Amino acid sequence: MAEGVTIEELADDMYHLVKEAVGKKKYKPNDLIKELIAKYGDEVSKKDGKEALKSLIDSERCIYSYAGGSFIELAK
């Protein structure tokens, strides 16, 4: 894990990406992880992204949905 970026910060970034995309786009789990890697570069690994996604789902701020594939959406 990078010195400056915590799992909680990554989860918050994921949440904001999903929130901004409501009604426009649905994110697949790997797409969210790729967005974080693009934003933070070498500071974030795929493993970090998966941990942040798990934290986001476990906190019930977002949920998995299925419509021909798995997507991450805001919890209702």
PDB file of N, CA and C in Angstrom:
ATOM      1  N   MET A   1       0.836  -1.184   0.000  1.00  0.00           N
ATOM      2  CA  MET A   1       0.000   0.000   0.000  1.00  0.00           C
ATOM      3  C   MET A   1       0.871   1.234   0.000  1.00  0.00           C
ATOM      4  N   ALA A   2       0.447   2.232  -0.686  1.00  0.00           N
ATOM      5  CA  ALA A   2       1.194   3.471  -0.791  1.00  0.00           C
ATOM      6  C   ALA A   2       1.166   4.231   0.531  1.00  0.00           C
ATOM      7  N   GLU A   3       2.156   5.103   0.696  1.00  0.00           N
ATOM      8  CA  GLU A   3       2.249   5.863   1.922  1.00  0.00           C
ATOM      9  C   GLU A   3       1.089   6.852   2.061  1.00  0.00           C
ATOM     10  N   GLY A   4       0.711   7.518   0.960  1.00  0.00           N
ATOM     11  CA  GLY A   4      -0.241   8.603   1.037  1.00  0.00           C
ATOM     12  C   GLY A   4      -1.694   8.238   0.825  1.00  0.00           C
ATOM     13  N   VAL A   5      -1.983   7.067   0.300  1.00  0.00           N
ATOM     14  CA  VAL A   5      -3.363   6.719  -0.045  1.00  0.00           C
ATOM     15  C   VAL A   5      -3.823   5.535   0.793  1.00  0.00           C
ATOM     16  N   THR A   6      -4.922   5.752   1.542  1.00  0.00           N
ATOM     17  CA  THR A   6      -5.456   4.670   2.369  1.00  0.00           C
ATOM     18  C   THR A   6      -6.596   3.963   1.640  1.00  0.00           C
ATOM     19  N   ILE A   7      -6.953   2.799   2.129  1.00  0.00           N
ATOM     20  CA  ILE A   7      -8.071   2.043   1.563  1.00  0.00           C
ATOM     21  C   ILE A   7      -9.360   2.866   1.687  1.00  0.00           C
ATOM     22  N   GLU A   8      -9.527   3.574   2.800  1.00  0.00           N
ATOM     23  CA  GLU A   8     -10.718   4.392   2.996  1.00  0.00           C
ATOM     24  C   GLU A   8     -10.807   5.507   1.956  1.00  0.00           C
ATOM     25  N   GLU A   9      -9.666   6.126   1.639  1.00  0.00           N
ATOM     26  CA  GLU A   9      -9.652   7.180   0.617  1.00  0.00           C
ATOM     27  C   GLU A   9     -10.007   6.608  -0.753  1.00  0.00           C
ATOM     28  N   LEU A  10      -9.491   5.436  -1.047  1.00  0.00           N
ATOM     29  CA  LEU A  10      -9.812   4.785  -2.319  1.00  0.00           C
ATOM     30  C   LEU A  10     -11.295   4.455  -2.395  1.00  0.00           C
ATOM     31  N   ALA A  11     -11.848   3.947  -1.287  1.00  0.00           N
ATOM     32  CA  ALA A  11     -13.278   3.621  -1.251  1.00  0.00           C
ATOM     33  C   ALA A  11     -14.107   4.890  -1.443  1.00  0.00           C
ATOM     34  N   ASP A  12     -13.692   5.994  -0.825  1.00  0.00           N
ATOM     35  CA  ASP A  12     -14.403   7.264  -0.995  1.00  0.00           C
ATOM     36  C   ASP A  12     -14.351   7.725  -2.449  1.00  0.00           C
ATOM     37  N   ASP A  13     -13.187   7.591  -3.082  1.00  0.00           N
ATOM     38  CA  ASP A  13     -13.057   7.955  -4.493  1.00  0.00           C
ATOM     39  C   ASP A  13     -13.983   7.107  -5.365  1.00  0.00           C
ATOM     40  N   MET A  14     -14.044   5.814  -5.078  1.00  0.00           N
ATOM     41  CA  MET A  14     -14.941   4.928  -5.822  1.00  0.00           C
ATOM     42  C   MET A  14     -16.387   5.362  -5.641  1.00  0.00           C
ATOM     43  N   TYR A  15     -16.757   5.675  -4.415  1.00  0.00           N
ATOM     44  CA  TYR A  15     -18.123   6.095  -4.125  1.00  0.00           C
ATOM     45  C   TYR A  15     -18.477   7.344  -4.935  1.00  0.00           C
ATOM     46  N   HIS A  16     -17.568   8.308  -4.974  1.00  0.00           N
ATOM     47  CA  HIS A  16     -17.833   9.545  -5.710  1.00  0.00           C
ATOM     48  C   HIS A  16     -17.930   9.297  -7.211  1.00  0.00           C
ATOM     49  N   LEU A  17     -17.127   8.381  -7.738  1.00  0.00           N
ATOM     50  CA  LEU A  17     -17.225   8.034  -9.156  1.00  0.00           C
ATOM     51  C   LEU A  17     -18.604   7.452  -9.474  1.00  0.00           C
ATOM     52  N   VAL A  18     -19.052   6.534  -8.629  1.00  0.00           N
ATOM     53  CA  VAL A  18     -20.357   5.896  -8.838  1.00  0.00           C
ATOM     54  C   VAL A  18     -21.467   6.934  -8.685  1.00  0.00           C
ATOM     55  N   LYS A  19     -21.353   7.795  -7.678  1.00  0.00           N
ATOM     56  CA  LYS A  19     -22.383   8.807  -7.426  1.00  0.00           C
ATOM     57  C   LYS A  19     -22.499   9.778  -8.603  1.00  0.00           C
ATOM     58  N   GLU A  20     -21.373  10.203  -9.152  1.00  0.00           N
ATOM     59  CA  GLU A  20     -21.384  11.139 -10.280  1.00  0.00           C
ATOM     60  C   GLU A  20     -21.941  10.500 -11.549  1.00  0.00           C
ATOM     61  N   ALA A  21     -21.857   9.176 -11.647  1.00  0.00           N
ATOM     62  CA  ALA A  21     -22.280   8.485 -12.869  1.00  0.00           C
ATOM     63  C   ALA A  21     -23.738   8.026 -12.832  1.00  0.00           C
ATOM     64  N   VAL A  22     -24.442   8.253 -11.730  1.00  0.00           N
ATOM     65  CA  VAL A  22     -25.826   7.808 -11.619  1.00  0.00           C
ATOM     66  C   VAL A  22     -26.646   8.377 -12.777  1.00  0.00           C
ATOM     67  N   GLY A  23     -27.343   7.490 -13.471  1.00  0.00           N
ATOM     68  CA  GLY A  23     -28.182   7.892 -14.587  1.00  0.00           C
ATOM     69  C   GLY A  23     -27.447   8.050 -15.906  1.00  0.00           C
ATOM     70  N   LYS A  24     -26.114   8.049 -15.860  1.00  0.00           N
ATOM     71  CA  LYS A  24     -25.324   8.220 -17.074  1.00  0.00           C
ATOM     72  C   LYS A  24     -24.601   6.938 -17.469  1.00  0.00           C
ATOM     73  N   LYS A  25     -24.058   6.279 -16.464  1.00  0.00           N
ATOM     74  CA  LYS A  25     -23.184   5.138 -16.714  1.00  0.00           C
ATOM     75  C   LYS A  25     -23.208   4.223 -15.504  1.00  0.00           C
ATOM     76  N   LYS A  26     -22.989   2.939 -15.740  1.00  0.00           N
ATOM     77  CA  LYS A  26     -22.827   1.980 -14.645  1.00  0.00           C
ATOM     78  C   LYS A  26     -21.401   1.465 -14.699  1.00  0.00           C
ATOM     79  N   TYR A  27     -20.754   1.447 -13.559  1.00  0.00           N
ATOM     80  CA  TYR A  27     -19.375   0.976 -13.476  1.00  0.00           C
ATOM     81  C   TYR A  27     -19.314  -0.514 -13.178  1.00  0.00           C
ATOM     82  N   LYS A  28     -18.463  -1.207 -13.896  1.00  0.00           N
ATOM     83  CA  LYS A  28     -18.123  -2.583 -13.554  1.00  0.00           C
ATOM     84  C   LYS A  28     -17.024  -2.503 -12.489  1.00  0.00           C
ATOM     85  N   PRO A  29     -16.905  -3.518 -11.649  1.00  0.00           N
ATOM     86  CA  PRO A  29     -15.889  -3.470 -10.593  1.00  0.00           C
ATOM     87  C   PRO A  29     -14.479  -3.188 -11.125  1.00  0.00           C
ATOM     88  N   ASN A  30     -14.073  -3.874 -12.182  1.00  0.00           N
ATOM     89  CA  ASN A  30     -12.720  -3.661 -12.705  1.00  0.00           C
ATOM     90  C   ASN A  30     -12.538  -2.269 -13.287  1.00  0.00           C
ATOM     91  N   ASP A  31     -13.607  -1.680 -13.817  1.00  0.00           N
ATOM     92  CA  ASP A  31     -13.515  -0.318 -14.343  1.00  0.00           C
ATOM     93  C   ASP A  31     -13.220   0.681 -13.226  1.00  0.00           C
ATOM     94  N   LEU A  32     -13.828   0.481 -12.070  1.00  0.00           N
ATOM     95  CA  LEU A  32     -13.544   1.356 -10.929  1.00  0.00           C
ATOM     96  C   LEU A  32     -12.089   1.239 -10.495  1.00  0.00           C
ATOM     97  N   ILE A  33     -11.603   0.012 -10.447  1.00  0.00           N
ATOM     98  CA  ILE A  33     -10.212  -0.215 -10.054  1.00  0.00           C
ATOM     99  C   ILE A  33      -9.273   0.438 -11.063  1.00  0.00           C
ATOM    100  N   LYS A  34      -9.572   0.311 -12.344  1.00  0.00           N
ATOM    101  CA  LYS A  34      -8.745   0.934 -13.385  1.00  0.00           C
ATOM    102  C   LYS A  34      -8.750   2.456 -13.267  1.00  0.00           C
ATOM    103  N   GLU A  35      -9.891   3.035 -12.908  1.00  0.00           N
ATOM    104  CA  GLU A  35      -9.975   4.490 -12.719  1.00  0.00           C
ATOM    105  C   GLU A  35      -9.035   4.935 -11.590  1.00  0.00           C
ATOM    106  N   LEU A  36      -9.011   4.175 -10.493  1.00  0.00           N
ATOM    107  CA  LEU A  36      -8.130   4.526  -9.378  1.00  0.00           C
ATOM    108  C   LEU A  36      -6.666   4.396  -9.760  1.00  0.00           C
ATOM    109  N   ILE A  37      -6.339   3.347 -10.498  1.00  0.00           N
ATOM    110  CA  ILE A  37      -4.954   3.153 -10.935  1.00  0.00           C
ATOM    111  C   ILE A  37      -4.547   4.288 -11.869  1.00  0.00           C
ATOM    112  N   ALA A  38      -5.464   4.718 -12.739  1.00  0.00           N
ATOM    113  CA  ALA A  38      -5.169   5.840 -13.632  1.00  0.00           C
ATOM    114  C   ALA A  38      -4.962   7.128 -12.841  1.00  0.00           C
ATOM    115  N   LYS A  39      -5.731   7.307 -11.777  1.00  0.00           N
ATOM    116  CA  LYS A  39      -5.635   8.527 -10.971  1.00  0.00           C
ATOM    117  C   LYS A  39      -4.367   8.558 -10.124  1.00  0.00           C
ATOM    118  N   TYR A  40      -4.055   7.436  -9.467  1.00  0.00           N
ATOM    119  CA  TYR A  40      -2.948   7.407  -8.517  1.00  0.00           C
ATOM    120  C   TYR A  40      -1.666   6.776  -9.058  1.00  0.00           C
ATOM    121  N   GLY A  41      -1.736   6.125 -10.198  1.00  0.00           N
ATOM    122  CA  GLY A  41      -0.549   5.509 -10.786  1.00  0.00           C
ATOM    123  C   GLY A  41      -0.009   4.365  -9.947  1.00  0.00           C
ATOM    124  N   ASP A  42       1.293   4.358  -9.760  1.00  0.00           N
ATOM    125  CA  ASP A  42       1.971   3.272  -9.053  1.00  0.00           C
ATOM    126  C   ASP A  42       1.653   3.222  -7.562  1.00  0.00           C
ATOM    127  N   GLU A  43       1.002   4.264  -7.051  1.00  0.00           N
ATOM    128  CA  GLU A  43       0.670   4.282  -5.625  1.00  0.00           C
ATOM    129  C   GLU A  43      -0.408   3.252  -5.282  1.00  0.00           C
ATOM    130  N   VAL A  44      -1.184   2.812  -6.289  1.00  0.00           N
ATOM    131  CA  VAL A  44      -2.311   1.912  -6.055  1.00  0.00           C
ATOM    132  C   VAL A  44      -2.143   0.648  -6.891  1.00  0.00           C
ATOM    133  N   SER A  45      -2.338  -0.483  -6.248  1.00  0.00           N
ATOM    134  CA  SER A  45      -2.290  -1.764  -6.965  1.00  0.00           C
ATOM    135  C   SER A  45      -3.704  -2.283  -7.162  1.00  0.00           C
ATOM    136  N   LYS A  46      -3.827  -3.313  -7.978  1.00  0.00           N
ATOM    137  CA  LYS A  46      -5.135  -3.934  -8.194  1.00  0.00           C
ATOM    138  C   LYS A  46      -5.659  -4.507  -6.876  1.00  0.00           C
ATOM    139  N   LYS A  47      -4.757  -5.036  -6.065  1.00  0.00           N
ATOM    140  CA  LYS A  47      -5.141  -5.587  -4.759  1.00  0.00           C
ATOM    141  C   LYS A  47      -5.724  -4.486  -3.867  1.00  0.00           C
ATOM    142  N   ASP A  48      -5.114  -3.307  -3.876  1.00  0.00           N
ATOM    143  CA  ASP A  48      -5.630  -2.181  -3.098  1.00  0.00           C
ATOM    144  C   ASP A  48      -7.037  -1.813  -3.566  1.00  0.00           C
ATOM    145  N   GLY A  49      -7.226  -1.804  -4.880  1.00  0.00           N
ATOM    146  CA  GLY A  49      -8.532  -1.488  -5.446  1.00  0.00           C
ATOM    147  C   GLY A  49      -9.582  -2.487  -5.019  1.00  0.00           C
ATOM    148  N   LYS A  50      -9.223  -3.763  -5.001  1.00  0.00           N
ATOM    149  CA  LYS A  50     -10.171  -4.801  -4.580  1.00  0.00           C
ATOM    150  C   LYS A  50     -10.528  -4.647  -3.107  1.00  0.00           C
ATOM    151  N   GLU A  51      -9.542  -4.300  -2.281  1.00  0.00           N
ATOM    152  CA  GLU A  51      -9.811  -4.086  -0.859  1.00  0.00           C
ATOM    153  C   GLU A  51     -10.730  -2.890  -0.657  1.00  0.00           C
ATOM    154  N   ALA A  52     -10.504  -1.824  -1.425  1.00  0.00           N
ATOM    155  CA  ALA A  52     -11.351  -0.633  -1.322  1.00  0.00           C
ATOM    156  C   ALA A  52     -12.775  -0.955  -1.762  1.00  0.00           C
ATOM    157  N   LEU A  53     -12.917  -1.737  -2.823  1.00  0.00           N
ATOM    158  CA  LEU A  53     -14.235  -2.128  -3.308  1.00  0.00           C
ATOM    159  C   LEU A  53     -14.959  -2.975  -2.265  1.00  0.00           C
ATOM    160  N   LYS A  54     -14.245  -3.901  -1.650  1.00  0.00           N
ATOM    161  CA  LYS A  54     -14.829  -4.727  -0.590  1.00  0.00           C
ATOM    162  C   LYS A  54     -15.285  -3.856   0.575  1.00  0.00           C
ATOM    163  N   SER A  55     -14.469  -2.881   0.941  1.00  0.00           N
ATOM    164  CA  SER A  55     -14.818  -1.957   2.020  1.00  0.00           C
ATOM    165  C   SER A  55     -16.074  -1.164   1.671  1.00  0.00           C
ATOM    166  N   LEU A  56     -16.175  -0.727   0.425  1.00  0.00           N
ATOM    167  CA  LEU A  56     -17.332   0.045  -0.034  1.00  0.00           C
ATOM    168  C   LEU A  56     -18.611  -0.786   0.016  1.00  0.00           C
ATOM    169  N   ILE A  57     -18.530  -2.036  -0.398  1.00  0.00           N
ATOM    170  CA  ILE A  57     -19.688  -2.933  -0.378  1.00  0.00           C
ATOM    171  C   ILE A  57     -20.044  -3.304   1.062  1.00  0.00           C
ATOM    172  N   ASP A  58     -19.034  -3.626   1.870  1.00  0.00           N
ATOM    173  CA  ASP A  58     -19.276  -4.004   3.267  1.00  0.00           C
ATOM    174  C   ASP A  58     -19.896  -2.868   4.074  1.00  0.00           C
ATOM    175  N   SER A  59     -19.562  -1.623   3.726  1.00  0.00           N
ATOM    176  CA  SER A  59     -20.120  -0.475   4.445  1.00  0.00           C
ATOM    177  C   SER A  59     -21.539  -0.169   3.989  1.00  0.00           C
ATOM    178  N   GLU A  60     -22.013  -0.894   2.966  1.00  0.00           N
ATOM    179  CA  GLU A  60     -23.364  -0.781   2.414  1.00  0.00           C
ATOM    180  C   GLU A  60     -23.640   0.577   1.784  1.00  0.00           C
ATOM    181  N   ARG A  61     -22.586   1.280   1.367  1.00  0.00           N
ATOM    182  CA  ARG A  61     -22.782   2.530   0.620  1.00  0.00           C
ATOM    183  C   ARG A  61     -23.080   2.216  -0.843  1.00  0.00           C
ATOM    184  N   CYS A  62     -22.557   1.094  -1.315  1.00  0.00           N
ATOM    185  CA  CYS A  62     -22.806   0.646  -2.687  1.00  0.00           C
ATOM    186  C   CYS A  62     -23.167  -0.834  -2.663  1.00  0.00           C
ATOM    187  N   ILE A  63     -23.784  -1.272  -3.758  1.00  0.00           N
ATOM    188  CA  ILE A  63     -24.185  -2.671  -3.879  1.00  0.00           C
ATOM    189  C   ILE A  63     -23.791  -3.195  -5.253  1.00  0.00           C
ATOM    190  N   TYR A  64     -23.743  -4.506  -5.370  1.00  0.00           N
ATOM    191  CA  TYR A  64     -23.577  -5.147  -6.668  1.00  0.00           C
ATOM    192  C   TYR A  64     -24.956  -5.278  -7.294  1.00  0.00           C
ATOM    193  N   SER A  65     -25.030  -5.050  -8.590  1.00  0.00           N
ATOM    194  CA  SER A  65     -26.261  -5.336  -9.327  1.00  0.00           C
ATOM    195  C   SER A  65     -25.863  -6.192 -10.522  1.00  0.00           C
ATOM    196  N   TYR A  66     -26.852  -6.829 -11.117  1.00  0.00           N
ATOM    197  CA  TYR A  66     -26.562  -7.696 -12.256  1.00  0.00           C
ATOM    198  C   TYR A  66     -27.564  -7.409 -13.358  1.00  0.00           C
ATOM    199  N   ALA A  67     -27.037  -7.058 -14.522  1.00  0.00           N
ATOM    200  CA  ALA A  67     -27.867  -6.839 -15.711  1.00  0.00           C
ATOM    201  C   ALA A  67     -27.009  -7.220 -16.915  1.00  0.00           C
ATOM    202  N   GLY A  68     -26.856  -8.524 -17.105  1.00  0.00           N
ATOM    203  CA  GLY A  68     -25.985  -8.991 -18.182  1.00  0.00           C
ATOM    204  C   GLY A  68     -24.513  -8.922 -17.806  1.00  0.00           C
ATOM    205  N   GLY A  69     -24.221  -8.521 -16.596  1.00  0.00           N
ATOM    206  CA  GLY A  69     -22.873  -8.408 -16.058  1.00  0.00           C
ATOM    207  C   GLY A  69     -22.976  -7.765 -14.683  1.00  0.00           C
ATOM    208  N   SER A  70     -21.916  -7.837 -13.905  1.00  0.00           N
ATOM    209  CA  SER A  70     -21.926  -7.253 -12.564  1.00  0.00           C
ATOM    210  C   SER A  70     -21.579  -5.770 -12.638  1.00  0.00           C
ATOM    211  N   PHE A  71     -22.334  -4.972 -11.903  1.00  0.00           N
ATOM    212  CA  PHE A  71     -22.111  -3.531 -11.827  1.00  0.00           C
ATOM    213  C   PHE A  71     -22.162  -3.081 -10.376  1.00  0.00           C
ATOM    214  N   ILE A  72     -21.552  -1.932 -10.114  1.00  0.00           N
ATOM    215  CA  ILE A  72     -21.581  -1.325  -8.794  1.00  0.00           C
ATOM    216  C   ILE A  72     -22.532  -0.135  -8.854  1.00  0.00           C
ATOM    217  N   GLU A  73     -23.483  -0.094  -7.929  1.00  0.00           N
ATOM    218  CA  GLU A  73     -24.451   1.010  -7.881  1.00  0.00           C
ATOM    219  C   GLU A  73     -24.572   1.508  -6.453  1.00  0.00           C
ATOM    220  N   LEU A  74     -25.124   2.716  -6.290  1.00  0.00           N
ATOM    221  CA  LEU A  74     -25.392   3.241  -4.960  1.00  0.00           C
ATOM    222  C   LEU A  74     -26.464   2.387  -4.296  1.00  0.00           C
ATOM    223  N   ALA A  75     -26.297   2.182  -3.003  1.00  0.00           N
ATOM    224  CA  ALA A  75     -27.338   1.476  -2.240  1.00  0.00           C
ATOM    225  C   ALA A  75     -28.550   2.386  -2.142  1.00  0.00           C
ATOM    226  N   LYS A  76     -29.711   1.813  -2.171  1.00  0.00           N
ATOM    227  CA  LYS A  76     -30.944   2.629  -2.155  1.00  0.00           C
ATOM    228  C   LYS A  76     -31.383   2.954  -0.763  1.00  0.00           C
TER     229      LYS A  76
END
